[in-house]
Amino acid sequence: MTIKSQDPTRPAVLVTGGCGYIGSHVVRQLVEAGCHPVVIDNL
């Protein structure tokens, strides 16, 4: 599986556990840094 960002200037970053406390803060920081986070979690 390949994850590609629609915008080449925004790198796609896979975050596992992105719905938890630490993961949600990591995702927020990635968005603020201009990245395109892809979140996987098993709620």
C-alpha atoms as a PDB file:
ATOM      1  CA  MET A   1       0.000   0.000   0.000  1.00  0.00           C
ATOM      2  CA  THR A   2       1.332   3.403  -0.938  1.00  0.00           C
ATOM      3  CA  ILE A   3       0.169   6.584   0.745  1.00  0.00           C
ATOM      4  CA  LYS A   4       0.587   9.697  -1.355  1.00  0.00           C
ATOM      5  CA  SER A   5      -0.386  13.235  -0.515  1.00  0.00           C
ATOM      6  CA  GLN A   6      -2.528  15.062  -3.061  1.00  0.00           C
ATOM      7  CA  ASP A   7      -0.236  18.069  -2.693  1.00  0.00           C
ATOM      8  CA  PRO A   8       3.467  17.284  -3.264  1.00  0.00           C
ATOM      9  CA  THR A   9       4.480  20.164  -0.984  1.00  0.00           C
ATOM     10  CA  ARG A  10       2.664  18.502   1.963  1.00  0.00           C
ATOM     11  CA  PRO A  11       4.276  15.143   2.815  1.00  0.00           C
ATOM     12  CA  ALA A  12       1.945  12.324   3.896  1.00  0.00           C
ATOM     13  CA  VAL A  13       2.754  10.932   7.357  1.00  0.00           C
ATOM     14  CA  LEU A  14       1.230   7.726   8.748  1.00  0.00           C
ATOM     15  CA  VAL A  15       0.282   7.975  12.440  1.00  0.00           C
ATOM     16  CA  THR A  16      -0.755   4.775  14.219  1.00  0.00           C
ATOM     17  CA  GLY A  17      -2.818   5.306  17.347  1.00  0.00           C
ATOM     18  CA  GLY A  18      -3.710   8.809  16.234  1.00  0.00           C
ATOM     19  CA  CYS A  19      -6.974   8.948  18.203  1.00  0.00           C
ATOM     20  CA  GLY A  20      -5.305   8.577  21.595  1.00  0.00           C
ATOM     21  CA  TYR A  21      -3.931  11.326  23.803  1.00  0.00           C
ATOM     22  CA  ILE A  22      -0.373  11.368  22.443  1.00  0.00           C
ATOM     23  CA  GLY A  23      -1.383  10.552  18.876  1.00  0.00           C
ATOM     24  CA  SER A  24      -3.912  13.372  18.704  1.00  0.00           C
ATOM     25  CA  HIS A  25      -1.280  15.873  19.803  1.00  0.00           C
ATOM     26  CA  VAL A  26       1.191  14.484  17.259  1.00  0.00           C
ATOM     27  CA  VAL A  27      -1.431  14.817  14.510  1.00  0.00           C
ATOM     28  CA  ARG A  28      -2.156  18.422  15.506  1.00  0.00           C
ATOM     29  CA  GLN A  29       1.555  19.285  15.368  1.00  0.00           C
ATOM     30  CA  LEU A  30       1.909  17.605  11.967  1.00  0.00           C
ATOM     31  CA  VAL A  31      -0.996  19.624  10.558  1.00  0.00           C
ATOM     32  CA  GLU A  32       0.473  22.844  11.938  1.00  0.00           C
ATOM     33  CA  ALA A  33       3.812  21.893  10.340  1.00  0.00           C
ATOM     34  CA  GLY A  34       2.116  21.561   6.947  1.00  0.00           C
ATOM     35  CA  CYS A  35       2.024  17.755   6.723  1.00  0.00           C
ATOM     36  CA  HIS A  36      -0.861  15.525   5.644  1.00  0.00           C
ATOM     37  CA  PRO A  37      -1.347  13.001   8.484  1.00  0.00           C
ATOM     38  CA  VAL A  38      -3.029   9.677   7.747  1.00  0.00           C
ATOM     39  CA  VAL A  39      -4.410   8.229  10.997  1.00  0.00           C
ATOM     40  CA  ILE A  40      -4.946   4.545  11.782  1.00  0.00           C
ATOM     41  CA  ASP A  41      -6.483   3.477  15.085  1.00  0.00           C
ATOM     42  CA  ASN A  42      -8.551   0.534  16.308  1.00  0.00           C
ATOM     43  CA  LEU A  43     -10.976   2.452  18.528  1.00  0.00           C
END
